[in-house]
Amino acid sequence: MLAFSGGEKPRREHMKELVEAIVKALVDNPGKVVVSALDGEQSTVFELRVAPDDIGKVIGKQGRTAKSIRTILGCVGMKLKRRFTLEILE
């Protein structure tokens, strides 16, 4: 279970683990899931890389799955007073 305590670094790591866990549950090749975090002053951008065959599963029909993941990040970000965004890289 994810606990949000401590400084800025643990929060970012928890969010990174959350994104990783969600995406690994969706794809056929969970070993190829790579999430990297780029920190800004008030925001963190998560860059997501998956196997080429799994891009469609992460994006979903009409982008619904990706939008849902971004919504979760937005909700947690409001609680933590930090903006989290997700970029899906090919």
Protein backbone atom coordinates (compact mmCIF):
# COMPACT_ATOMS: atom_id res chain seq x y z
CA MET A 1 0.00 0.00 0.00
CA LEU A 2 1.23 3.47 -0.82
CA ALA A 3 1.68 5.86 2.09
CA PHE A 4 2.21 9.56 1.50
CA SER A 5 4.52 10.68 4.23
CA GLY A 6 7.94 12.18 4.27
CA GLY A 7 9.52 14.71 1.96
CA GLU A 8 9.18 15.49 -1.71
CA LYS A 9 11.37 12.62 -2.94
CA PRO A 10 9.32 9.80 -1.36
CA ARG A 11 6.09 11.28 -2.75
CA ARG A 12 7.49 11.28 -6.26
CA GLU A 13 8.70 7.70 -5.84
CA HIS A 14 5.28 6.60 -4.59
CA MET A 15 3.60 8.21 -7.58
CA LYS A 16 6.11 6.60 -9.92
CA GLU A 17 5.35 3.20 -8.36
CA LEU A 18 1.61 3.85 -8.71
CA VAL A 19 1.90 4.62 -12.43
CA GLU A 20 4.14 1.58 -12.91
CA ALA A 21 1.72 -0.73 -11.09
CA ILE A 22 -1.30 0.48 -13.08
CA VAL A 23 0.46 0.16 -16.43
CA LYS A 24 2.01 -3.24 -15.66
CA ALA A 25 -1.48 -4.56 -14.92
CA LEU A 26 -2.65 -3.42 -18.37
CA VAL A 27 0.11 -4.62 -20.68
CA ASP A 28 1.25 -8.02 -22.00
CA ASN A 29 4.96 -7.25 -21.46
CA PRO A 30 5.24 -5.80 -17.93
CA GLY A 31 9.01 -6.21 -17.98
CA LYS A 32 9.29 -3.56 -20.69
CA VAL A 33 7.47 -0.88 -18.69
CA VAL A 34 9.78 2.00 -17.80
CA VAL A 35 8.64 5.09 -15.91
CA SER A 36 11.01 8.00 -15.40
CA ALA A 37 10.27 11.19 -13.50
CA LEU A 38 11.35 14.72 -14.40
CA ASP A 39 10.92 17.15 -11.54
CA GLY A 40 10.11 20.81 -11.95
CA GLU A 41 9.53 23.43 -9.31
CA GLN A 42 5.81 22.74 -8.87
CA SER A 43 5.26 19.75 -11.10
CA THR A 44 6.54 16.32 -12.01
CA VAL A 45 6.34 14.82 -15.48
CA PHE A 46 6.27 11.04 -15.71
CA GLU A 47 7.57 9.65 -18.99
CA LEU A 48 6.20 6.22 -19.78
CA ARG A 49 7.77 3.75 -22.20
CA VAL A 50 6.21 0.38 -23.02
CA ALA A 51 6.73 -2.28 -25.67
CA PRO A 52 5.47 -1.18 -29.12
CA ASP A 53 2.74 -3.84 -29.04
CA ASP A 54 1.40 -2.44 -25.75
CA ILE A 55 1.02 1.23 -26.70
CA GLY A 56 -2.61 0.72 -27.70
CA LYS A 57 -3.44 -0.94 -24.39
CA VAL A 58 -2.04 1.97 -22.42
CA ILE A 59 -3.76 4.61 -24.56
CA GLY A 60 -7.08 2.74 -24.85
CA LYS A 61 -10.00 3.38 -27.14
CA GLN A 62 -10.17 7.09 -27.93
CA GLY A 63 -7.51 7.68 -25.24
CA ARG A 64 -9.78 6.69 -22.38
CA THR A 65 -7.25 4.58 -20.48
CA ALA A 66 -4.54 7.24 -20.68
CA LYS A 67 -7.06 9.87 -19.63
CA SER A 68 -8.07 7.76 -16.63
CA ILE A 69 -4.46 7.39 -15.49
CA ARG A 70 -3.98 11.15 -15.88
CA THR A 71 -7.15 11.77 -13.86
CA ILE A 72 -5.81 9.64 -11.00
CA LEU A 73 -2.53 11.58 -11.09
CA GLY A 74 -4.46 14.85 -11.06
CA CYS A 75 -6.53 13.84 -8.04
CA VAL A 76 -3.51 12.76 -6.02
CA GLY A 77 -1.68 15.88 -7.13
CA MET A 78 -4.43 18.09 -5.72
CA LYS A 79 -4.08 16.35 -2.36
CA LEU A 80 -0.28 16.74 -2.42
CA LYS A 81 -0.41 20.30 -3.84
CA ARG A 82 1.75 19.28 -6.80
CA ARG A 83 0.97 18.80 -10.47
CA PHE A 84 1.69 15.39 -11.99
CA THR A 85 1.50 14.78 -15.73
CA LEU A 86 1.96 11.67 -17.84
CA GLU A 87 3.69 11.56 -21.20
CA ILE A 88 3.47 8.33 -23.17
CA LEU A 89 6.58 7.98 -25.33
CA GLU A 90 6.87 5.71 -28.36
